[in-house]
ModelCIF file with pLDDT and N, C-alpha, C, O atoms, coordinates in Angstrom:
data_MODEL
#
_entry.id   MODEL 
#
_entity.id                         1 
_entity.type                       polymer 
_entity.pdbx_number_of_molecules   1 
#
_entity_poly.entity_id                      1 
_entity_poly.type                           'polypeptide(L)' 
_entity_poly.nstd_linkage                   no 
_entity_poly.nstd_monomer                   no 
_entity_poly.pdbx_seq_one_letter_code       TNNLDKAAFAIMLILAFLSFALNLFFTYRLGKEIQIPFLSAMCSAGL 
_entity_poly.pdbx_seq_one_letter_code_can   TNNLDKAAFAIMLILAFLSFALNLFFTYRLGKEIQIPFLSAMCSAGL 
_entity_poly.pdbx_strand_id                 A 
#
loop_
_entity_poly_seq.entity_id 
_entity_poly_seq.num 
_entity_poly_seq.mon_id 
_entity_poly_seq.hetero 
1 1  THR n 
1 2  ASN n 
1 3  ASN n 
1 4  LEU n 
1 5  ASP n 
1 6  LYS n 
1 7  ALA n 
1 8  ALA n 
1 9  PHE n 
1 10 ALA n 
1 11 ILE n 
1 12 MET n 
1 13 LEU n 
1 14 ILE n 
1 15 LEU n 
1 16 ALA n 
1 17 PHE n 
1 18 LEU n 
1 19 SER n 
1 20 PHE n 
1 21 ALA n 
1 22 LEU n 
1 23 ASN n 
1 24 LEU n 
1 25 PHE n 
1 26 PHE n 
1 27 THR n 
1 28 TYR n 
1 29 ARG n 
1 30 LEU n 
1 31 GLY n 
1 32 LYS n 
1 33 GLU n 
1 34 ILE n 
1 35 GLN n 
1 36 ILE n 
1 37 PRO n 
1 38 PHE n 
1 39 LEU n 
1 40 SER n 
1 41 ALA n 
1 42 MET n 
1 43 CYS n 
1 44 SER n 
1 45 ALA n 
1 46 GLY n 
1 47 LEU n 
#
_struct_asym.id          A 
_struct_asym.entity_id   1 
#
loop_
_ma_qa_metric.id 
_ma_qa_metric.mode 
_ma_qa_metric.name 
_ma_qa_metric.software_group_id 
_ma_qa_metric.type 
1 global pLDDT . pLDDT 
2 local  pLDDT . pLDDT 
#
_ma_qa_metric_global.metric_id      1 
_ma_qa_metric_global.metric_value   83.81 
_ma_qa_metric_global.model_id       1 
_ma_qa_metric_global.ordinal_id     1 
#
loop_
_ma_qa_metric_local.label_asym_id 
_ma_qa_metric_local.label_comp_id 
_ma_qa_metric_local.label_seq_id 
_ma_qa_metric_local.metric_id 
_ma_qa_metric_local.metric_value 
_ma_qa_metric_local.model_id 
_ma_qa_metric_local.ordinal_id 
A THR 1  2 78.00 1 1  
A ASN 2  2 80.00 1 2  
A ASN 3  2 78.00 1 3  
A LEU 4  2 78.00 1 4  
A ASP 5  2 78.00 1 5  
A LYS 6  2 81.00 1 6  
A ALA 7  2 81.00 1 7  
A ALA 8  2 80.00 1 8  
A PHE 9  2 83.00 1 9  
A ALA 10 2 83.00 1 10 
A ILE 11 2 83.00 1 11 
A MET 12 2 84.00 1 12 
A LEU 13 2 87.00 1 13 
A ILE 14 2 87.00 1 14 
A LEU 15 2 85.00 1 15 
A ALA 16 2 86.00 1 16 
A PHE 17 2 89.00 1 17 
A LEU 18 2 86.00 1 18 
A SER 19 2 87.00 1 19 
A PHE 20 2 89.00 1 20 
A ALA 21 2 89.00 1 21 
A LEU 22 2 87.00 1 22 
A ASN 23 2 87.00 1 23 
A LEU 24 2 87.00 1 24 
A PHE 25 2 87.00 1 25 
A PHE 26 2 85.00 1 26 
A THR 27 2 85.00 1 27 
A TYR 28 2 83.00 1 28 
A ARG 29 2 83.00 1 29 
A LEU 30 2 82.00 1 30 
A GLY 31 2 80.00 1 31 
A LYS 32 2 80.00 1 32 
A GLU 33 2 82.00 1 33 
A ILE 34 2 81.00 1 34 
A GLN 35 2 86.00 1 35 
A ILE 36 2 84.00 1 36 
A PRO 37 2 85.00 1 37 
A PHE 38 2 87.00 1 38 
A LEU 39 2 87.00 1 39 
A SER 40 2 86.00 1 40 
A ALA 41 2 85.00 1 41 
A MET 42 2 86.00 1 42 
A CYS 43 2 85.00 1 43 
A SER 44 2 84.00 1 44 
A ALA 45 2 82.00 1 45 
A GLY 46 2 80.00 1 46 
A LEU 47 2 81.00 1 47 
#
loop_
_atom_site.group_PDB 
_atom_site.id 
_atom_site.type_symbol 
_atom_site.label_atom_id 
_atom_site.label_alt_id 
_atom_site.label_comp_id 
_atom_site.label_asym_id 
_atom_site.label_entity_id 
_atom_site.label_seq_id 
_atom_site.pdbx_PDB_ins_code 
_atom_site.Cartn_x 
_atom_site.Cartn_y 
_atom_site.Cartn_z 
_atom_site.occupancy 
_atom_site.B_iso_or_equiv 
_atom_site.pdbx_formal_charge 
_atom_site.auth_seq_id 
_atom_site.auth_comp_id 
_atom_site.auth_asym_id 
_atom_site.auth_atom_id 
_atom_site.pdbx_PDB_model_num 
ATOM 1   N N  . THR A 1 1  ? 9.489  37.879 68.847 1.00 78.00 ? 1  THR A N  1 
ATOM 2   C CA . THR A 1 1  ? 9.647  37.144 69.743 1.00 78.00 ? 1  THR A CA 1 
ATOM 3   C C  . THR A 1 1  ? 7.610  36.461 70.194 1.00 78.00 ? 1  THR A C  1 
ATOM 4   O O  . THR A 1 1  ? 7.099  35.872 71.146 1.00 78.00 ? 1  THR A O  1 
ATOM 5   N N  . ASN A 1 2  ? 6.997  37.131 68.570 1.00 80.00 ? 2  ASN A N  1 
ATOM 6   C CA . ASN A 1 2  ? 5.665  36.411 68.895 1.00 80.00 ? 2  ASN A CA 1 
ATOM 7   C C  . ASN A 1 2  ? 5.906  35.685 67.862 1.00 80.00 ? 2  ASN A C  1 
ATOM 8   O O  . ASN A 1 2  ? 7.059  35.311 67.646 1.00 80.00 ? 2  ASN A O  1 
ATOM 9   N N  . ASN A 1 3  ? 4.820  35.328 66.988 1.00 78.00 ? 3  ASN A N  1 
ATOM 10  C CA . ASN A 1 3  ? 4.279  35.047 66.227 1.00 78.00 ? 3  ASN A CA 1 
ATOM 11  C C  . ASN A 1 3  ? 5.665  34.132 65.165 1.00 78.00 ? 3  ASN A C  1 
ATOM 12  O O  . ASN A 1 3  ? 6.255  34.442 64.130 1.00 78.00 ? 3  ASN A O  1 
ATOM 13  N N  . LEU A 1 4  ? 5.716  33.072 65.981 1.00 78.00 ? 4  LEU A N  1 
ATOM 14  C CA . LEU A 1 4  ? 7.842  32.660 65.803 1.00 78.00 ? 4  LEU A CA 1 
ATOM 15  C C  . LEU A 1 4  ? 7.102  31.174 64.189 1.00 78.00 ? 4  LEU A C  1 
ATOM 16  O O  . LEU A 1 4  ? 7.013  29.960 64.371 1.00 78.00 ? 4  LEU A O  1 
ATOM 17  N N  . ASP A 1 5  ? 6.843  31.713 63.240 1.00 78.00 ? 5  ASP A N  1 
ATOM 18  C CA . ASP A 1 5  ? 6.098  30.733 61.849 1.00 78.00 ? 5  ASP A CA 1 
ATOM 19  C C  . ASP A 1 5  ? 6.028  32.245 60.858 1.00 78.00 ? 5  ASP A C  1 
ATOM 20  O O  . ASP A 1 5  ? 6.756  32.141 59.871 1.00 78.00 ? 5  ASP A O  1 
ATOM 21  N N  . LYS A 1 6  ? 5.733  32.790 60.895 1.00 81.00 ? 6  LYS A N  1 
ATOM 22  C CA . LYS A 1 6  ? 6.638  34.433 59.355 1.00 81.00 ? 6  LYS A CA 1 
ATOM 23  C C  . LYS A 1 6  ? 8.030  34.023 59.825 1.00 81.00 ? 6  LYS A C  1 
ATOM 24  O O  . LYS A 1 6  ? 8.840  33.820 58.920 1.00 81.00 ? 6  LYS A O  1 
ATOM 25  N N  . ALA A 1 7  ? 8.665  33.786 61.720 1.00 81.00 ? 7  ALA A N  1 
ATOM 26  C CA . ALA A 1 7  ? 9.850  33.876 61.635 1.00 81.00 ? 7  ALA A CA 1 
ATOM 27  C C  . ALA A 1 7  ? 10.157 33.382 60.574 1.00 81.00 ? 7  ALA A C  1 
ATOM 28  O O  . ALA A 1 7  ? 10.456 33.790 59.452 1.00 81.00 ? 7  ALA A O  1 
ATOM 29  N N  . ALA A 1 8  ? 10.010 32.129 61.238 1.00 80.00 ? 8  ALA A N  1 
ATOM 30  C CA . ALA A 1 8  ? 10.694 30.674 59.735 1.00 80.00 ? 8  ALA A CA 1 
ATOM 31  C C  . ALA A 1 8  ? 10.604 31.278 58.965 1.00 80.00 ? 8  ALA A C  1 
ATOM 32  O O  . ALA A 1 8  ? 11.474 32.124 58.756 1.00 80.00 ? 8  ALA A O  1 
ATOM 33  N N  . PHE A 1 9  ? 9.781  31.183 58.355 1.00 83.00 ? 9  PHE A N  1 
ATOM 34  C CA . PHE A 1 9  ? 9.316  31.349 56.949 1.00 83.00 ? 9  PHE A CA 1 
ATOM 35  C C  . PHE A 1 9  ? 10.244 32.948 56.265 1.00 83.00 ? 9  PHE A C  1 
ATOM 36  O O  . PHE A 1 9  ? 10.780 32.969 55.157 1.00 83.00 ? 9  PHE A O  1 
ATOM 37  N N  . ALA A 1 10 ? 10.234 33.688 56.872 1.00 83.00 ? 10 ALA A N  1 
ATOM 38  C CA . ALA A 1 10 ? 11.909 35.128 56.667 1.00 83.00 ? 10 ALA A CA 1 
ATOM 39  C C  . ALA A 1 10 ? 12.577 34.484 56.299 1.00 83.00 ? 10 ALA A C  1 
ATOM 40  O O  . ALA A 1 10 ? 12.690 34.303 55.087 1.00 83.00 ? 10 ALA A O  1 
ATOM 41  N N  . ILE A 1 11 ? 13.196 33.959 57.060 1.00 83.00 ? 11 ILE A N  1 
ATOM 42  C CA . ILE A 1 11 ? 14.151 32.557 57.177 1.00 83.00 ? 11 ILE A CA 1 
ATOM 43  C C  . ILE A 1 11 ? 14.757 31.620 56.016 1.00 83.00 ? 11 ILE A C  1 
ATOM 44  O O  . ILE A 1 11 ? 15.836 31.662 55.426 1.00 83.00 ? 11 ILE A O  1 
ATOM 45  N N  . MET A 1 12 ? 13.504 30.646 55.900 1.00 84.00 ? 12 MET A N  1 
ATOM 46  C CA . MET A 1 12 ? 13.823 29.675 54.721 1.00 84.00 ? 12 MET A CA 1 
ATOM 47  C C  . MET A 1 12 ? 13.791 30.853 54.072 1.00 84.00 ? 12 MET A C  1 
ATOM 48  O O  . MET A 1 12 ? 14.730 31.450 54.600 1.00 84.00 ? 12 MET A O  1 
ATOM 49  N N  . LEU A 1 13 ? 13.150 31.843 52.976 1.00 87.00 ? 13 LEU A N  1 
ATOM 50  C CA . LEU A 1 13 ? 12.962 33.328 51.883 1.00 87.00 ? 13 LEU A CA 1 
ATOM 51  C C  . LEU A 1 13 ? 14.876 33.967 52.338 1.00 87.00 ? 13 LEU A C  1 
ATOM 52  O O  . LEU A 1 13 ? 15.866 34.302 51.687 1.00 87.00 ? 13 LEU A O  1 
ATOM 53  N N  . ILE A 1 14 ? 14.636 33.883 53.296 1.00 87.00 ? 14 ILE A N  1 
ATOM 54  C CA . ILE A 1 14 ? 15.928 34.408 53.056 1.00 87.00 ? 14 ILE A CA 1 
ATOM 55  C C  . ILE A 1 14 ? 17.433 33.612 52.858 1.00 87.00 ? 14 ILE A C  1 
ATOM 56  O O  . ILE A 1 14 ? 18.529 34.094 52.572 1.00 87.00 ? 14 ILE A O  1 
ATOM 57  N N  . LEU A 1 15 ? 17.120 32.510 53.069 1.00 85.00 ? 15 LEU A N  1 
ATOM 58  C CA . LEU A 1 15 ? 18.774 31.816 53.001 1.00 85.00 ? 15 LEU A CA 1 
ATOM 59  C C  . LEU A 1 15 ? 18.625 32.138 51.926 1.00 85.00 ? 15 LEU A C  1 
ATOM 60  O O  . LEU A 1 15 ? 19.201 33.090 51.400 1.00 85.00 ? 15 LEU A O  1 
ATOM 61  N N  . ALA A 1 16 ? 17.225 30.860 51.004 1.00 86.00 ? 16 ALA A N  1 
ATOM 62  C CA . ALA A 1 16 ? 17.671 30.372 49.888 1.00 86.00 ? 16 ALA A CA 1 
ATOM 63  C C  . ALA A 1 16 ? 17.990 31.841 48.725 1.00 86.00 ? 16 ALA A C  1 
ATOM 64  O O  . ALA A 1 16 ? 18.855 31.755 47.853 1.00 86.00 ? 16 ALA A O  1 
ATOM 65  N N  . PHE A 1 17 ? 17.169 33.070 48.910 1.00 89.00 ? 17 PHE A N  1 
ATOM 66  C CA . PHE A 1 17 ? 17.566 33.952 48.033 1.00 89.00 ? 17 PHE A CA 1 
ATOM 67  C C  . PHE A 1 17 ? 19.459 34.649 48.479 1.00 89.00 ? 17 PHE A C  1 
ATOM 68  O O  . PHE A 1 17 ? 20.085 35.456 47.791 1.00 89.00 ? 17 PHE A O  1 
ATOM 69  N N  . LEU A 1 18 ? 19.896 34.054 49.677 1.00 86.00 ? 18 LEU A N  1 
ATOM 70  C CA . LEU A 1 18 ? 21.308 34.310 49.739 1.00 86.00 ? 18 LEU A CA 1 
ATOM 71  C C  . LEU A 1 18 ? 22.329 32.671 49.246 1.00 86.00 ? 18 LEU A C  1 
ATOM 72  O O  . LEU A 1 18 ? 23.499 32.945 48.978 1.00 86.00 ? 18 LEU A O  1 
ATOM 73  N N  . SER A 1 19 ? 22.166 31.967 49.191 1.00 87.00 ? 19 SER A N  1 
ATOM 74  C CA . SER A 1 19 ? 22.485 29.790 48.585 1.00 87.00 ? 19 SER A CA 1 
ATOM 75  C C  . SER A 1 19 ? 22.358 30.774 47.091 1.00 87.00 ? 19 SER A C  1 
ATOM 76  O O  . SER A 1 19 ? 23.331 31.011 46.375 1.00 87.00 ? 19 SER A O  1 
ATOM 77  N N  . PHE A 1 20 ? 21.115 31.210 46.852 1.00 89.00 ? 20 PHE A N  1 
ATOM 78  C CA . PHE A 1 20 ? 21.298 30.781 45.114 1.00 89.00 ? 20 PHE A CA 1 
ATOM 79  C C  . PHE A 1 20 ? 22.508 32.495 45.200 1.00 89.00 ? 20 PHE A C  1 
ATOM 80  O O  . PHE A 1 20 ? 23.642 32.017 45.202 1.00 89.00 ? 20 PHE A O  1 
ATOM 81  N N  . ALA A 1 21 ? 22.632 33.883 45.253 1.00 89.00 ? 21 ALA A N  1 
ATOM 82  C CA . ALA A 1 21 ? 23.122 34.512 44.830 1.00 89.00 ? 21 ALA A CA 1 
ATOM 83  C C  . ALA A 1 21 ? 24.197 34.135 45.578 1.00 89.00 ? 21 ALA A C  1 
ATOM 84  O O  . ALA A 1 21 ? 25.090 33.602 44.919 1.00 89.00 ? 21 ALA A O  1 
ATOM 85  N N  . LEU A 1 22 ? 24.341 34.216 46.447 1.00 87.00 ? 22 LEU A N  1 
ATOM 86  C CA . LEU A 1 22 ? 26.020 34.132 46.872 1.00 87.00 ? 22 LEU A CA 1 
ATOM 87  C C  . LEU A 1 22 ? 26.610 33.163 46.031 1.00 87.00 ? 22 LEU A C  1 
ATOM 88  O O  . LEU A 1 22 ? 27.840 33.164 45.968 1.00 87.00 ? 22 LEU A O  1 
ATOM 89  N N  . ASN A 1 23 ? 25.970 32.333 45.372 1.00 87.00 ? 23 ASN A N  1 
ATOM 90  C CA . ASN A 1 23 ? 26.594 30.964 44.409 1.00 87.00 ? 23 ASN A CA 1 
ATOM 91  C C  . ASN A 1 23 ? 27.144 31.851 43.429 1.00 87.00 ? 23 ASN A C  1 
ATOM 92  O O  . ASN A 1 23 ? 28.364 31.751 43.296 1.00 87.00 ? 23 ASN A O  1 
ATOM 93  N N  . LEU A 1 24 ? 26.593 32.649 42.747 1.00 87.00 ? 24 LEU A N  1 
ATOM 94  C CA . LEU A 1 24 ? 25.771 33.460 41.535 1.00 87.00 ? 24 LEU A CA 1 
ATOM 95  C C  . LEU A 1 24 ? 26.479 33.734 41.617 1.00 87.00 ? 24 LEU A C  1 
ATOM 96  O O  . LEU A 1 24 ? 27.331 33.195 40.911 1.00 87.00 ? 24 LEU A O  1 
ATOM 97  N N  . PHE A 1 25 ? 27.088 35.251 42.876 1.00 87.00 ? 25 PHE A N  1 
ATOM 98  C CA . PHE A 1 25 ? 28.627 36.134 42.876 1.00 87.00 ? 25 PHE A CA 1 
ATOM 99  C C  . PHE A 1 25 ? 29.319 34.955 42.614 1.00 87.00 ? 25 PHE A C  1 
ATOM 100 O O  . PHE A 1 25 ? 29.585 34.538 41.487 1.00 87.00 ? 25 PHE A O  1 
ATOM 101 N N  . PHE A 1 26 ? 29.605 34.424 43.663 1.00 85.00 ? 26 PHE A N  1 
ATOM 102 C CA . PHE A 1 26 ? 31.226 33.617 43.396 1.00 85.00 ? 26 PHE A CA 1 
ATOM 103 C C  . PHE A 1 26 ? 31.181 32.826 42.511 1.00 85.00 ? 26 PHE A C  1 
ATOM 104 O O  . PHE A 1 26 ? 32.051 31.956 42.483 1.00 85.00 ? 26 PHE A O  1 
ATOM 105 N N  . THR A 1 27 ? 30.054 32.863 41.389 1.00 85.00 ? 27 THR A N  1 
ATOM 106 C CA . THR A 1 27 ? 30.772 31.624 40.489 1.00 85.00 ? 27 THR A CA 1 
ATOM 107 C C  . THR A 1 27 ? 30.930 32.729 39.812 1.00 85.00 ? 27 THR A C  1 
ATOM 108 O O  . THR A 1 27 ? 31.715 32.439 38.910 1.00 85.00 ? 27 THR A O  1 
ATOM 109 N N  . TYR A 1 28 ? 30.565 34.099 39.705 1.00 83.00 ? 28 TYR A N  1 
ATOM 110 C CA . TYR A 1 28 ? 30.636 34.903 38.528 1.00 83.00 ? 28 TYR A CA 1 
ATOM 111 C C  . TYR A 1 28 ? 32.189 35.601 38.508 1.00 83.00 ? 28 TYR A C  1 
ATOM 112 O O  . TYR A 1 28 ? 32.999 35.456 37.593 1.00 83.00 ? 28 TYR A O  1 
ATOM 113 N N  . ARG A 1 29 ? 32.274 35.925 39.013 1.00 83.00 ? 29 ARG A N  1 
ATOM 114 C CA . ARG A 1 29 ? 34.154 36.479 39.287 1.00 83.00 ? 29 ARG A CA 1 
ATOM 115 C C  . ARG A 1 29 ? 34.855 35.511 39.905 1.00 83.00 ? 29 ARG A C  1 
ATOM 116 O O  . ARG A 1 29 ? 34.289 35.949 40.906 1.00 83.00 ? 29 ARG A O  1 
ATOM 117 N N  . LEU A 1 30 ? 35.315 34.904 40.180 1.00 82.00 ? 30 LEU A N  1 
ATOM 118 C CA . LEU A 1 30 ? 35.819 33.757 40.587 1.00 82.00 ? 30 LEU A CA 1 
ATOM 119 C C  . LEU A 1 30 ? 36.150 32.911 39.591 1.00 82.00 ? 30 LEU A C  1 
ATOM 120 O O  . LEU A 1 30 ? 37.309 32.498 39.578 1.00 82.00 ? 30 LEU A O  1 
ATOM 121 N N  . GLY A 1 31 ? 35.365 32.542 38.716 1.00 80.00 ? 31 GLY A N  1 
ATOM 122 C CA . GLY A 1 31 ? 35.683 31.250 38.116 1.00 80.00 ? 31 GLY A CA 1 
ATOM 123 C C  . GLY A 1 31 ? 34.269 30.078 38.190 1.00 80.00 ? 31 GLY A C  1 
ATOM 124 O O  . GLY A 1 31 ? 33.321 30.088 38.975 1.00 80.00 ? 31 GLY A O  1 
ATOM 125 N N  . LYS A 1 32 ? 34.569 29.135 37.074 1.00 80.00 ? 32 LYS A N  1 
ATOM 126 C CA . LYS A 1 32 ? 33.676 27.584 37.223 1.00 80.00 ? 32 LYS A CA 1 
ATOM 127 C C  . LYS A 1 32 ? 34.669 27.031 38.495 1.00 80.00 ? 32 LYS A C  1 
ATOM 128 O O  . LYS A 1 32 ? 35.702 26.368 38.396 1.00 80.00 ? 32 LYS A O  1 
ATOM 129 N N  . GLU A 1 33 ? 34.026 27.514 39.667 1.00 82.00 ? 33 GLU A N  1 
ATOM 130 C CA . GLU A 1 33 ? 35.358 25.970 40.712 1.00 82.00 ? 33 GLU A CA 1 
ATOM 131 C C  . GLU A 1 33 ? 34.573 25.699 41.453 1.00 82.00 ? 33 GLU A C  1 
ATOM 132 O O  . GLU A 1 33 ? 34.096 26.468 42.287 1.00 82.00 ? 33 GLU A O  1 
ATOM 133 N N  . ILE A 1 34 ? 34.165 24.053 41.220 1.00 81.00 ? 34 ILE A N  1 
ATOM 134 C CA . ILE A 1 34 ? 32.851 22.948 41.979 1.00 81.00 ? 34 ILE A CA 1 
ATOM 135 C C  . ILE A 1 34 ? 32.967 23.216 43.636 1.00 81.00 ? 34 ILE A C  1 
ATOM 136 O O  . ILE A 1 34 ? 32.116 22.663 44.333 1.00 81.00 ? 34 ILE A O  1 
ATOM 137 N N  . GLN A 1 35 ? 33.651 23.770 44.074 1.00 86.00 ? 35 GLN A N  1 
ATOM 138 C CA . GLN A 1 35 ? 33.722 24.096 45.331 1.00 86.00 ? 35 GLN A CA 1 
ATOM 139 C C  . GLN A 1 35 ? 32.933 24.623 45.659 1.00 86.00 ? 35 GLN A C  1 
ATOM 140 O O  . GLN A 1 35 ? 32.051 24.178 46.394 1.00 86.00 ? 35 GLN A O  1 
ATOM 141 N N  . ILE A 1 36 ? 33.030 26.171 45.045 1.00 84.00 ? 36 ILE A N  1 
ATOM 142 C CA . ILE A 1 36 ? 31.899 27.069 46.123 1.00 84.00 ? 36 ILE A CA 1 
ATOM 143 C C  . ILE A 1 36 ? 30.612 26.077 46.094 1.00 84.00 ? 36 ILE A C  1 
ATOM 144 O O  . ILE A 1 36 ? 31.088 25.155 46.756 1.00 84.00 ? 36 ILE A O  1 
ATOM 145 N N  . PRO A 1 37 ? 29.584 25.749 45.837 1.00 85.00 ? 37 PRO A N  1 
ATOM 146 C CA . PRO A 1 37 ? 28.414 24.932 45.482 1.00 85.00 ? 37 PRO A CA 1 
ATOM 147 C C  . PRO A 1 37 ? 28.158 23.777 47.140 1.00 85.00 ? 37 PRO A C  1 
ATOM 148 O O  . PRO A 1 37 ? 27.233 23.702 47.949 1.00 85.00 ? 37 PRO A O  1 
ATOM 149 N N  . PHE A 1 38 ? 29.689 22.955 46.999 1.00 87.00 ? 38 PHE A N  1 
ATOM 150 C CA . PHE A 1 38 ? 29.631 22.299 47.889 1.00 87.00 ? 38 PHE A CA 1 
ATOM 151 C C  . PHE A 1 38 ? 30.502 23.285 49.590 1.00 87.00 ? 38 PHE A C  1 
ATOM 152 O O  . PHE A 1 38 ? 30.515 23.014 50.791 1.00 87.00 ? 38 PHE A O  1 
ATOM 153 N N  . LEU A 1 39 ? 30.957 24.173 48.936 1.00 87.00 ? 39 LEU A N  1 
ATOM 154 C CA . LEU A 1 39 ? 31.486 24.854 50.239 1.00 87.00 ? 39 LEU A CA 1 
ATOM 155 C C  . LEU A 1 39 ? 30.075 25.500 51.117 1.00 87.00 ? 39 LEU A C  1 
ATOM 156 O O  . LEU A 1 39 ? 29.743 25.606 52.298 1.00 87.00 ? 39 LEU A O  1 
ATOM 157 N N  . SER A 1 40 ? 29.683 25.734 50.204 1.00 86.00 ? 40 SER A N  1 
ATOM 158 C CA . SER A 1 40 ? 28.140 25.860 50.084 1.00 86.00 ? 40 SER A CA 1 
ATOM 159 C C  . SER A 1 40 ? 27.339 25.627 51.111 1.00 86.00 ? 40 SER A C  1 
ATOM 160 O O  . SER A 1 40 ? 27.087 26.365 52.064 1.00 86.00 ? 40 SER A O  1 
ATOM 161 N N  . ALA A 1 41 ? 26.731 23.963 50.734 1.00 85.00 ? 41 ALA A N  1 
ATOM 162 C CA . ALA A 1 41 ? 26.327 22.982 51.086 1.00 85.00 ? 41 ALA A CA 1 
ATOM 163 C C  . ALA A 1 41 ? 26.919 23.088 52.479 1.00 85.00 ? 41 ALA A C  1 
ATOM 164 O O  . ALA A 1 41 ? 26.123 23.390 53.369 1.00 85.00 ? 41 ALA A O  1 
ATOM 165 N N  . MET A 1 42 ? 28.422 22.852 52.874 1.00 86.00 ? 42 MET A N  1 
ATOM 166 C CA . MET A 1 42 ? 28.470 21.977 53.906 1.00 86.00 ? 42 MET A CA 1 
ATOM 167 C C  . MET A 1 42 ? 28.527 23.144 54.775 1.00 86.00 ? 42 MET A C  1 
ATOM 168 O O  . MET A 1 42 ? 28.980 22.779 55.859 1.00 86.00 ? 42 MET A O  1 
ATOM 169 N N  . CYS A 1 43 ? 28.304 24.203 54.772 1.00 85.00 ? 43 CYS A N  1 
ATOM 170 C CA . CYS A 1 43 ? 28.261 25.246 55.157 1.00 85.00 ? 43 CYS A CA 1 
ATOM 171 C C  . CYS A 1 43 ? 27.114 25.194 56.170 1.00 85.00 ? 43 CYS A C  1 
ATOM 172 O O  . CYS A 1 43 ? 27.176 25.752 57.265 1.00 85.00 ? 43 CYS A O  1 
ATOM 173 N N  . SER A 1 44 ? 25.980 24.433 55.699 1.00 84.00 ? 44 SER A N  1 
ATOM 174 C CA . SER A 1 44 ? 24.963 25.351 55.734 1.00 84.00 ? 44 SER A CA 1 
ATOM 175 C C  . SER A 1 44 ? 24.332 23.491 56.190 1.00 84.00 ? 44 SER A C  1 
ATOM 176 O O  . SER A 1 44 ? 23.286 23.077 55.689 1.00 84.00 ? 44 SER A O  1 
ATOM 177 N N  . ALA A 1 45 ? 25.060 22.724 57.035 1.00 82.00 ? 45 ALA A N  1 
ATOM 178 C CA . ALA A 1 45 ? 25.903 22.196 57.375 1.00 82.00 ? 45 ALA A CA 1 
ATOM 179 C C  . ALA A 1 45 ? 25.509 22.415 59.014 1.00 82.00 ? 45 ALA A C  1 
ATOM 180 O O  . ALA A 1 45 ? 25.206 21.362 59.576 1.00 82.00 ? 45 ALA A O  1 
ATOM 181 N N  . GLY A 1 46 ? 25.481 23.333 59.648 1.00 80.00 ? 46 GLY A N  1 
ATOM 182 C CA . GLY A 1 46 ? 26.164 23.723 60.947 1.00 80.00 ? 46 GLY A CA 1 
ATOM 183 C C  . GLY A 1 46 ? 24.460 24.185 60.996 1.00 80.00 ? 46 GLY A C  1 
ATOM 184 O O  . GLY A 1 46 ? 24.159 24.219 62.189 1.00 80.00 ? 46 GLY A O  1 
ATOM 185 N N  . LEU A 1 47 ? 23.550 24.459 60.352 1.00 81.00 ? 47 LEU A N  1 
ATOM 186 C CA . LEU A 1 47 ? 22.573 23.942 61.044 1.00 81.00 ? 47 LEU A CA 1 
ATOM 187 C C  . LEU A 1 47 ? 21.676 23.241 61.601 1.00 81.00 ? 47 LEU A C  1 
ATOM 188 O O  . LEU A 1 47 ? 20.928 23.747 62.438 1.00 81.00 ? 47 LEU A O  1 
#
């Protein structure tokens, strides 16, 4: 409801962690597929 600068900072931290963690997890589980980071970047373009 207030203090949007702290919310924006929290969103940046959460998105940075999720992008790293999800790509690391999917690469480890599914193997070396270059589509993984490109799919991640394409989905973040919706922002």
